[in-house]
Amino acid sequence: MTICLRHTTEDDLDFVMEIEQDGANRPFVMLWTRAQHKACLSSEDKAHLVVEIVSERTRVGYLIVAGLADASNSVELKRLVIAEKNRGYGRATLRLVKWLAFTEWGAHRLWLDVKEQNFRARHLYESEGFVFEGVRRESNKTEAGFESLVLMSILRREYEPNEPVARSPKVAV
């Protein structure tokens, strides 16, 4: 299975909204309106990307990165949402994002925040070299109350490219 990333188009927004609202994803995503997603498509500081399986041209997720114009070369993985779990799409996508951040975008630091109770994502990020930096306690207000966010990052000097990605990245951004 080889995945690729491509820029999200307005035609993809129904898919984006659908998987963001899906019961398996909704508790872990800070939900955006369609207008927010649409505005992100033309941002110079952000990239809104669709994750596809190359051989099938099937969409399996999307991601948003921010800070592409950051003077400190600090890129944020703002969101990574995958429709089907336990298929390796999230890990493969994260490896592509790391490759893009450090190889193409010249990042010094790739960082993210993840909801404290999102153990699946936290495990993935840790296994891919992200380091725990701290907790923003009860910083996110939801319908159910306040949630804490775990801050994690990886620095360029800590990045070790995955061999298949480094040899042949499948990126159309």
N, C-alpha and C. Protein backbone atom coordinates (compact mmCIF):
# COMPACT_ATOMS: atom_id res chain seq x y z
N MET A 1 0.84 -1.18 0.00
CA MET A 1 0.00 0.00 0.00
C MET A 1 0.88 1.24 0.00
N THR A 2 0.69 2.09 -0.97
CA THR A 2 1.40 3.36 -1.02
C THR A 2 0.36 4.46 -0.98
N ILE A 3 0.62 5.45 -0.13
CA ILE A 3 -0.30 6.58 -0.06
C ILE A 3 0.37 7.81 -0.66
N CYS A 4 -0.46 8.78 -1.00
CA CYS A 4 0.05 10.06 -1.45
C CYS A 4 -0.76 11.17 -0.80
N LEU A 5 -0.20 12.34 -0.83
CA LEU A 5 -0.88 13.53 -0.34
C LEU A 5 -1.08 14.47 -1.51
N ARG A 6 -2.24 15.09 -1.56
CA ARG A 6 -2.49 16.10 -2.59
C ARG A 6 -3.30 17.21 -1.95
N HIS A 7 -3.23 18.39 -2.57
CA HIS A 7 -3.99 19.51 -2.04
C HIS A 7 -5.49 19.21 -2.07
N THR A 8 -6.16 19.54 -1.00
CA THR A 8 -7.61 19.41 -0.91
C THR A 8 -8.26 20.43 -1.84
N THR A 9 -9.34 20.02 -2.51
CA THR A 9 -10.11 20.93 -3.34
C THR A 9 -11.50 21.10 -2.72
N GLU A 10 -12.24 22.04 -3.23
CA GLU A 10 -13.61 22.22 -2.74
C GLU A 10 -14.44 20.96 -2.95
N ASP A 11 -14.15 20.20 -3.98
CA ASP A 11 -14.87 18.95 -4.24
C ASP A 11 -14.61 17.90 -3.16
N ASP A 12 -13.54 18.05 -2.41
CA ASP A 12 -13.21 17.10 -1.33
C ASP A 12 -13.87 17.45 0.00
N LEU A 13 -14.46 18.63 0.11
CA LEU A 13 -14.93 19.10 1.42
C LEU A 13 -16.06 18.26 2.00
N ASP A 14 -16.93 17.66 1.17
CA ASP A 14 -17.95 16.76 1.71
C ASP A 14 -17.29 15.58 2.40
N PHE A 15 -16.27 15.01 1.78
CA PHE A 15 -15.52 13.90 2.37
C PHE A 15 -14.86 14.34 3.68
N VAL A 16 -14.21 15.49 3.67
CA VAL A 16 -13.54 16.01 4.87
C VAL A 16 -14.53 16.17 6.01
N MET A 17 -15.67 16.79 5.73
CA MET A 17 -16.68 17.00 6.77
C MET A 17 -17.24 15.67 7.28
N GLU A 18 -17.44 14.73 6.37
CA GLU A 18 -17.99 13.43 6.75
C GLU A 18 -17.07 12.67 7.70
N ILE A 19 -15.78 12.58 7.38
CA ILE A 19 -14.91 11.80 8.26
C ILE A 19 -14.58 12.56 9.55
N GLU A 20 -14.62 13.89 9.49
CA GLU A 20 -14.40 14.66 10.71
C GLU A 20 -15.55 14.45 11.69
N GLN A 21 -16.76 14.33 11.17
CA GLN A 21 -17.96 14.16 12.00
C GLN A 21 -18.21 12.70 12.40
N ASP A 22 -17.49 11.76 11.79
CA ASP A 22 -17.67 10.34 12.09
C ASP A 22 -17.46 10.08 13.58
N GLY A 23 -18.23 9.18 14.13
CA GLY A 23 -18.18 8.88 15.56
C GLY A 23 -16.80 8.44 16.06
N ALA A 24 -16.01 7.80 15.19
CA ALA A 24 -14.68 7.35 15.60
C ALA A 24 -13.68 8.51 15.65
N ASN A 25 -13.98 9.60 14.96
CA ASN A 25 -13.06 10.73 14.89
C ASN A 25 -13.52 11.95 15.70
N ARG A 26 -14.81 12.16 15.72
CA ARG A 26 -15.38 13.38 16.32
C ARG A 26 -14.88 13.69 17.74
N PRO A 27 -14.75 12.70 18.62
CA PRO A 27 -14.29 13.03 19.98
C PRO A 27 -12.86 13.56 20.04
N PHE A 28 -12.09 13.32 18.98
CA PHE A 28 -10.67 13.64 19.02
C PHE A 28 -10.27 14.82 18.13
N VAL A 29 -11.24 15.41 17.45
CA VAL A 29 -10.97 16.49 16.50
C VAL A 29 -11.65 17.76 16.97
N MET A 30 -10.93 18.86 16.86
CA MET A 30 -11.56 20.16 17.11
C MET A 30 -12.29 20.53 15.83
N LEU A 31 -13.59 20.39 15.86
CA LEU A 31 -14.40 20.48 14.66
C LEU A 31 -14.36 21.87 14.04
N TRP A 32 -14.30 21.88 12.72
CA TRP A 32 -14.34 23.12 11.94
C TRP A 32 -15.63 23.14 11.14
N THR A 33 -16.03 24.34 10.77
CA THR A 33 -17.14 24.49 9.83
C THR A 33 -16.61 24.30 8.42
N ARG A 34 -17.52 24.10 7.50
CA ARG A 34 -17.14 24.01 6.09
C ARG A 34 -16.42 25.28 5.65
N ALA A 35 -16.89 26.43 6.12
CA ALA A 35 -16.28 27.72 5.76
C ALA A 35 -14.83 27.79 6.26
N GLN A 36 -14.56 27.27 7.45
CA GLN A 36 -13.18 27.26 7.96
C GLN A 36 -12.28 26.39 7.09
N HIS A 37 -12.77 25.21 6.71
CA HIS A 37 -11.99 24.35 5.83
C HIS A 37 -11.75 25.03 4.48
N LYS A 38 -12.78 25.63 3.93
CA LYS A 38 -12.67 26.29 2.63
C LYS A 38 -11.65 27.43 2.70
N ALA A 39 -11.67 28.22 3.76
CA ALA A 39 -10.71 29.32 3.91
C ALA A 39 -9.28 28.80 3.98
N CYS A 40 -9.11 27.64 4.59
CA CYS A 40 -7.78 27.06 4.73
C CYS A 40 -7.19 26.65 3.38
N LEU A 41 -8.05 26.33 2.41
CA LEU A 41 -7.57 25.88 1.11
C LEU A 41 -6.71 26.92 0.41
N SER A 42 -6.96 28.20 0.68
CA SER A 42 -6.21 29.26 -0.01
C SER A 42 -5.21 29.97 0.90
N SER A 43 -4.97 29.43 2.07
CA SER A 43 -4.03 30.04 3.01
C SER A 43 -2.59 29.84 2.55
N GLU A 44 -1.79 30.87 2.70
CA GLU A 44 -0.36 30.75 2.37
C GLU A 44 0.43 30.14 3.52
N ASP A 45 -0.13 30.16 4.71
CA ASP A 45 0.56 29.64 5.89
C ASP A 45 0.17 28.21 6.21
N LYS A 46 -0.88 27.70 5.57
CA LYS A 46 -1.39 26.36 5.88
C LYS A 46 -1.44 25.51 4.62
N ALA A 47 -1.40 24.20 4.82
CA ALA A 47 -1.64 23.24 3.74
C ALA A 47 -2.75 22.31 4.20
N HIS A 48 -3.78 22.20 3.40
CA HIS A 48 -4.91 21.30 3.65
C HIS A 48 -4.75 20.19 2.60
N LEU A 49 -4.49 18.97 3.05
CA LEU A 49 -4.12 17.89 2.14
C LEU A 49 -5.00 16.67 2.32
N VAL A 50 -5.30 16.00 1.22
CA VAL A 50 -6.06 14.75 1.23
C VAL A 50 -5.07 13.59 1.17
N VAL A 51 -5.35 12.55 1.92
CA VAL A 51 -4.56 11.32 1.92
C VAL A 51 -5.26 10.33 1.00
N GLU A 52 -4.53 9.80 0.02
CA GLU A 52 -5.10 8.84 -0.93
C GLU A 52 -4.24 7.60 -1.03
N ILE A 53 -4.89 6.48 -1.34
CA ILE A 53 -4.17 5.27 -1.72
C ILE A 53 -3.83 5.41 -3.20
N VAL A 54 -2.56 5.34 -3.54
CA VAL A 54 -2.11 5.62 -4.90
C VAL A 54 -2.76 4.69 -5.92
N SER A 55 -2.71 3.39 -5.68
CA SER A 55 -3.19 2.43 -6.68
C SER A 55 -4.69 2.54 -6.94
N GLU A 56 -5.44 2.99 -5.97
CA GLU A 56 -6.89 3.05 -6.10
C GLU A 56 -7.44 4.46 -6.27
N ARG A 57 -6.60 5.47 -6.01
CA ARG A 57 -7.04 6.87 -6.01
C ARG A 57 -8.23 7.03 -5.07
N THR A 58 -8.18 6.31 -3.94
CA THR A 58 -9.23 6.34 -2.94
C THR A 58 -8.80 7.23 -1.78
N ARG A 59 -9.67 8.16 -1.39
CA ARG A 59 -9.37 9.03 -0.25
C ARG A 59 -9.57 8.25 1.05
N VAL A 60 -8.57 8.37 1.93
CA VAL A 60 -8.65 7.67 3.21
C VAL A 60 -8.50 8.62 4.40
N GLY A 61 -8.25 9.89 4.13
CA GLY A 61 -8.10 10.84 5.22
C GLY A 61 -7.72 12.22 4.73
N TYR A 62 -7.45 13.09 5.67
CA TYR A 62 -6.96 14.43 5.35
C TYR A 62 -6.12 14.94 6.50
N LEU A 63 -5.35 15.97 6.22
CA LEU A 63 -4.55 16.60 7.26
C LEU A 63 -4.43 18.08 6.98
N ILE A 64 -4.09 18.80 8.04
CA ILE A 64 -3.84 20.23 7.94
C ILE A 64 -2.54 20.51 8.66
N VAL A 65 -1.64 21.24 8.01
CA VAL A 65 -0.44 21.73 8.66
C VAL A 65 -0.47 23.25 8.62
N ALA A 66 0.14 23.86 9.62
CA ALA A 66 0.18 25.32 9.71
C ALA A 66 1.60 25.74 10.05
N GLY A 67 1.88 27.00 9.84
CA GLY A 67 3.19 27.54 10.16
C GLY A 67 4.16 27.47 9.00
N LEU A 68 3.65 27.29 7.79
CA LEU A 68 4.54 27.19 6.63
C LEU A 68 5.28 28.50 6.37
N ALA A 69 4.74 29.60 6.88
CA ALA A 69 5.39 30.91 6.74
C ALA A 69 6.00 31.37 8.06
N ASP A 70 6.13 30.47 9.02
CA ASP A 70 6.64 30.81 10.35
C ASP A 70 8.12 31.16 10.28
N ALA A 71 8.49 32.31 10.82
CA ALA A 71 9.88 32.77 10.79
C ALA A 71 10.80 31.87 11.60
N SER A 72 10.27 31.14 12.55
CA SER A 72 11.08 30.24 13.38
C SER A 72 11.18 28.83 12.82
N ASN A 73 10.63 28.63 11.62
CA ASN A 73 10.65 27.31 10.97
C ASN A 73 10.03 26.23 11.85
N SER A 74 8.93 26.60 12.50
CA SER A 74 8.20 25.68 13.36
C SER A 74 6.86 25.37 12.69
N VAL A 75 6.71 24.14 12.22
CA VAL A 75 5.52 23.71 11.51
C VAL A 75 4.63 22.91 12.45
N GLU A 76 3.34 23.22 12.42
CA GLU A 76 2.38 22.53 13.28
C GLU A 76 1.56 21.52 12.47
N LEU A 77 1.50 20.30 12.95
CA LEU A 77 0.55 19.33 12.42
C LEU A 77 -0.75 19.61 13.15
N LYS A 78 -1.59 20.38 12.50
CA LYS A 78 -2.81 20.87 13.13
C LYS A 78 -3.87 19.78 13.24
N ARG A 79 -3.92 18.93 12.24
CA ARG A 79 -4.95 17.90 12.24
C ARG A 79 -4.54 16.76 11.33
N LEU A 80 -4.80 15.54 11.76
CA LEU A 80 -4.63 14.34 10.95
C LEU A 80 -5.82 13.45 11.24
N VAL A 81 -6.67 13.25 10.24
CA VAL A 81 -7.89 12.46 10.40
C VAL A 81 -7.89 11.35 9.35
N ILE A 82 -7.98 10.13 9.81
CA ILE A 82 -7.99 8.96 8.93
C ILE A 82 -9.33 8.25 9.10
N ALA A 83 -9.95 7.87 7.99
CA ALA A 83 -11.28 7.26 8.02
C ALA A 83 -11.25 5.84 8.59
N GLU A 84 -10.33 5.01 8.10
CA GLU A 84 -10.28 3.61 8.52
C GLU A 84 -9.08 3.38 9.42
N LYS A 85 -9.33 2.90 10.61
CA LYS A 85 -8.27 2.68 11.59
C LYS A 85 -7.61 1.31 11.39
N ASN A 86 -6.41 1.18 11.95
CA ASN A 86 -5.67 -0.09 11.97
C ASN A 86 -5.28 -0.63 10.60
N ARG A 87 -5.07 0.27 9.64
CA ARG A 87 -4.66 -0.16 8.30
C ARG A 87 -3.28 0.39 7.94
N GLY A 88 -2.69 1.17 8.84
CA GLY A 88 -1.36 1.73 8.58
C GLY A 88 -1.37 3.08 7.87
N TYR A 89 -2.56 3.59 7.56
CA TYR A 89 -2.65 4.86 6.83
C TYR A 89 -2.14 6.04 7.68
N GLY A 90 -2.45 6.03 8.95
CA GLY A 90 -2.02 7.12 9.82
C GLY A 90 -0.51 7.17 9.94
N ARG A 91 0.12 6.04 10.16
CA ARG A 91 1.58 5.99 10.28
C ARG A 91 2.25 6.41 8.97
N ALA A 92 1.77 5.87 7.86
CA ALA A 92 2.34 6.23 6.56
C ALA A 92 2.19 7.73 6.30
N THR A 93 1.04 8.28 6.66
CA THR A 93 0.81 9.71 6.47
C THR A 93 1.73 10.53 7.35
N LEU A 94 1.87 10.14 8.59
CA LEU A 94 2.75 10.86 9.51
C LEU A 94 4.19 10.85 9.00
N ARG A 95 4.62 9.75 8.45
CA ARG A 95 5.98 9.69 7.90
C ARG A 95 6.13 10.64 6.70
N LEU A 96 5.11 10.72 5.88
CA LEU A 96 5.16 11.68 4.76
C LEU A 96 5.19 13.12 5.27
N VAL A 97 4.41 13.40 6.30
CA VAL A 97 4.38 14.75 6.86
C VAL A 97 5.75 15.11 7.43
N LYS A 98 6.38 14.19 8.13
CA LYS A 98 7.72 14.46 8.67
C LYS A 98 8.70 14.71 7.53
N TRP A 99 8.64 13.90 6.50
CA TRP A 99 9.52 14.08 5.34
C TRP A 99 9.30 15.45 4.71
N LEU A 100 8.04 15.81 4.50
CA LEU A 100 7.74 17.13 3.93
C LEU A 100 8.26 18.26 4.83
N ALA A 101 7.97 18.15 6.12
CA ALA A 101 8.35 19.22 7.04
C ALA A 101 9.85 19.46 7.02
N PHE A 102 10.63 18.41 7.12
CA PHE A 102 12.07 18.58 7.27
C PHE A 102 12.82 18.64 5.95
N THR A 103 12.30 18.02 4.90
CA THR A 103 13.00 17.97 3.63
C THR A 103 12.54 19.04 2.66
N GLU A 104 11.24 19.23 2.57
CA GLU A 104 10.68 20.17 1.59
C GLU A 104 10.44 21.56 2.17
N TRP A 105 9.90 21.61 3.39
CA TRP A 105 9.51 22.90 3.97
C TRP A 105 10.59 23.51 4.85
N GLY A 106 11.68 22.81 5.07
CA GLY A 106 12.80 23.34 5.84
C GLY A 106 12.50 23.61 7.30
N ALA A 107 11.63 22.82 7.87
CA ALA A 107 11.26 23.02 9.28
C ALA A 107 12.42 22.67 10.19
N HIS A 108 12.51 23.39 11.28
CA HIS A 108 13.43 23.05 12.37
C HIS A 108 12.70 22.17 13.38
N ARG A 109 11.39 22.42 13.50
CA ARG A 109 10.57 21.75 14.51
C ARG A 109 9.21 21.43 13.91
N LEU A 110 8.73 20.22 14.14
CA LEU A 110 7.37 19.82 13.78
C LEU A 110 6.67 19.51 15.09
N TRP A 111 5.56 20.19 15.34
CA TRP A 111 4.88 20.02 16.62
C TRP A 111 3.39 19.81 16.43
N LEU A 112 2.75 19.38 17.51
CA LEU A 112 1.32 19.14 17.49
C LEU A 112 0.80 19.19 18.92
N ASP A 113 -0.51 19.31 19.01
CA ASP A 113 -1.16 19.04 20.29
C ASP A 113 -2.22 17.98 20.02
N VAL A 114 -2.43 17.15 21.00
CA VAL A 114 -3.36 16.02 20.86
C VAL A 114 -4.17 15.94 22.14
N LYS A 115 -5.45 15.64 22.00
CA LYS A 115 -6.29 15.53 23.19
C LYS A 115 -5.73 14.45 24.11
N GLU A 116 -5.71 14.79 25.39
CA GLU A 116 -5.08 13.93 26.39
C GLU A 116 -5.63 12.51 26.35
N GLN A 117 -6.92 12.35 26.08
CA GLN A 117 -7.53 11.02 26.10
C GLN A 117 -7.39 10.27 24.76
N ASN A 118 -6.70 10.86 23.78
CA ASN A 118 -6.52 10.21 22.49
C ASN A 118 -5.26 9.34 22.54
N PHE A 119 -5.38 8.21 23.22
CA PHE A 119 -4.23 7.34 23.47
C PHE A 119 -3.68 6.71 22.19
N ARG A 120 -4.56 6.39 21.23
CA ARG A 120 -4.12 5.80 19.97
C ARG A 120 -3.17 6.76 19.25
N ALA A 121 -3.58 8.02 19.11
CA ALA A 121 -2.74 9.01 18.42
C ALA A 121 -1.46 9.28 19.19
N ARG A 122 -1.56 9.40 20.50
CA ARG A 122 -0.36 9.68 21.30
C ARG A 122 0.67 8.56 21.14
N HIS A 123 0.19 7.32 21.13
CA HIS A 123 1.10 6.19 20.93
C HIS A 123 1.77 6.27 19.56
N LEU A 124 1.00 6.58 18.53
CA LEU A 124 1.56 6.71 17.18
C LEU A 124 2.64 7.78 17.15
N TYR A 125 2.33 8.95 17.68
CA TYR A 125 3.31 10.05 17.65
C TYR A 125 4.59 9.68 18.42
N GLU A 126 4.44 9.07 19.57
CA GLU A 126 5.61 8.66 20.35
C GLU A 126 6.45 7.64 19.57
N SER A 127 5.78 6.69 18.94
CA SER A 127 6.50 5.64 18.21
C SER A 127 7.19 6.20 16.97
N GLU A 128 6.78 7.38 16.52
CA GLU A 128 7.39 8.03 15.35
C GLU A 128 8.36 9.14 15.75
N GLY A 129 8.78 9.15 17.01
CA GLY A 129 9.84 10.05 17.43
C GLY A 129 9.42 11.36 18.05
N PHE A 130 8.13 11.61 18.20
CA PHE A 130 7.68 12.84 18.83
C PHE A 130 7.92 12.74 20.34
N VAL A 131 8.32 13.86 20.92
CA VAL A 131 8.68 13.92 22.34
C VAL A 131 7.61 14.71 23.09
N PHE A 132 7.23 14.21 24.24
CA PHE A 132 6.28 14.88 25.12
C PHE A 132 6.90 16.17 25.62
N GLU A 133 6.17 17.28 25.49
CA GLU A 133 6.66 18.58 25.97
C GLU A 133 5.91 19.10 27.18
N GLY A 134 4.66 18.68 27.32
CA GLY A 134 3.88 19.17 28.44
C GLY A 134 2.39 19.06 28.15
N VAL A 135 1.61 19.60 29.07
CA VAL A 135 0.15 19.54 28.95
C VAL A 135 -0.40 20.94 29.09
N ARG A 136 -1.25 21.32 28.15
CA ARG A 136 -2.02 22.56 28.28
C ARG A 136 -3.30 22.15 28.99
N ARG A 137 -3.32 22.35 30.29
CA ARG A 137 -4.40 21.85 31.12
C ARG A 137 -5.70 22.59 30.84
N GLU A 138 -6.74 21.78 30.61
CA GLU A 138 -8.11 22.27 30.40
C GLU A 138 -8.15 23.51 29.51
N SER A 139 -7.45 23.43 28.39
CA SER A 139 -7.34 24.57 27.48
C SER A 139 -8.34 24.55 26.33
N ASN A 140 -9.08 23.47 26.21
CA ASN A 140 -10.01 23.32 25.10
C ASN A 140 -11.43 23.15 25.65
N LYS A 141 -12.29 24.11 25.36
CA LYS A 141 -13.67 24.03 25.84
C LYS A 141 -14.53 23.26 24.85
N THR A 142 -15.27 22.28 25.36
CA THR A 142 -16.17 21.48 24.55
C THR A 142 -17.56 21.51 25.17
N GLU A 143 -18.50 20.86 24.50
CA GLU A 143 -19.87 20.77 25.04
C GLU A 143 -19.88 20.05 26.38
N ALA A 144 -18.95 19.12 26.58
CA ALA A 144 -18.91 18.32 27.79
C ALA A 144 -18.08 18.94 28.91
N GLY A 145 -17.40 20.03 28.61
CA GLY A 145 -16.54 20.65 29.62
C GLY A 145 -15.20 21.03 29.02
N PHE A 146 -14.17 20.99 29.83
CA PHE A 146 -12.83 21.36 29.37
C PHE A 146 -11.97 20.13 29.20
N GLU A 147 -11.12 20.16 28.16
CA GLU A 147 -10.19 19.07 27.89
C GLU A 147 -8.77 19.60 27.90
N SER A 148 -7.84 18.75 28.26
CA SER A 148 -6.43 19.10 28.23
C SER A 148 -5.80 18.61 26.94
N LEU A 149 -4.78 19.33 26.50
CA LEU A 149 -4.05 18.98 25.28
C LEU A 149 -2.61 18.66 25.61
N VAL A 150 -2.10 17.57 25.06
CA VAL A 150 -0.71 17.16 25.24
C VAL A 150 0.10 17.75 24.09
N LEU A 151 1.18 18.46 24.42
CA LEU A 151 2.06 19.03 23.41
C LEU A 151 3.19 18.06 23.13
N MET A 152 3.50 17.86 21.84
CA MET A 152 4.57 16.96 21.42
C MET A 152 5.29 17.59 20.23
N SER A 153 6.57 17.24 20.07
CA SER A 153 7.30 17.74 18.92
C SER A 153 8.44 16.80 18.55
N ILE A 154 8.96 17.03 17.35
CA ILE A 154 10.17 16.37 16.89
C ILE A 154 11.00 17.45 16.20
N LEU A 155 12.29 17.43 16.47
CA LEU A 155 13.20 18.40 15.87
C LEU A 155 13.90 17.78 14.65
N ARG A 156 14.37 18.63 13.77
CA ARG A 156 15.05 18.14 12.57
C ARG A 156 16.19 17.19 12.94
N ARG A 157 16.98 17.52 13.97
CA ARG A 157 18.12 16.67 14.32
C ARG A 157 17.68 15.31 14.88
N GLU A 158 16.42 15.19 15.29
CA GLU A 158 15.89 13.92 15.81
C GLU A 158 15.23 13.09 14.72
N TYR A 159 15.02 13.70 13.58
CA TYR A 159 14.30 13.05 12.48
C TYR A 159 15.20 12.04 11.78
N GLU A 160 14.70 10.83 11.66
CA GLU A 160 15.38 9.79 10.89
C GLU A 160 14.39 9.31 9.84
N PRO A 161 14.62 9.68 8.58
CA PRO A 161 13.63 9.34 7.56
C PRO A 161 13.46 7.84 7.41
N ASN A 162 12.22 7.44 7.28
CA ASN A 162 11.88 6.05 7.00
C ASN A 162 12.39 5.74 5.59
N GLU A 163 13.08 4.66 5.41
CA GLU A 163 13.71 4.36 4.13
C GLU A 163 12.79 4.46 2.91
N PRO A 164 11.63 3.77 2.89
CA PRO A 164 10.79 3.85 1.70
C PRO A 164 10.34 5.29 1.39
N VAL A 165 10.06 6.06 2.41
CA VAL A 165 9.63 7.44 2.19
C VAL A 165 10.78 8.26 1.64
N ALA A 166 11.96 8.10 2.22
CA ALA A 166 13.11 8.89 1.80
C ALA A 166 13.51 8.57 0.36
N ARG A 167 13.35 7.31 -0.06
CA ARG A 167 13.73 6.95 -1.42
C ARG A 167 12.73 7.41 -2.45
N SER A 168 11.45 7.30 -2.13
CA SER A 168 10.44 7.56 -3.14
C SER A 168 9.19 8.16 -2.52
N PRO A 169 9.25 9.43 -2.13
CA PRO A 169 8.06 10.03 -1.53
C PRO A 169 6.93 10.17 -2.56
N LYS A 170 5.74 9.90 -2.13
CA LYS A 170 4.57 10.04 -2.99
C LYS A 170 3.80 11.26 -2.52
N VAL A 171 4.24 12.39 -2.99
CA VAL A 171 3.66 13.65 -2.54
C VAL A 171 3.37 14.51 -3.75
N ALA A 172 2.16 15.01 -3.83
CA ALA A 172 1.78 15.91 -4.92
C ALA A 172 1.33 17.23 -4.32
N VAL A 173 2.24 17.89 -3.62
CA VAL A 173 1.88 19.17 -3.00
C VAL A 173 2.76 20.28 -3.52
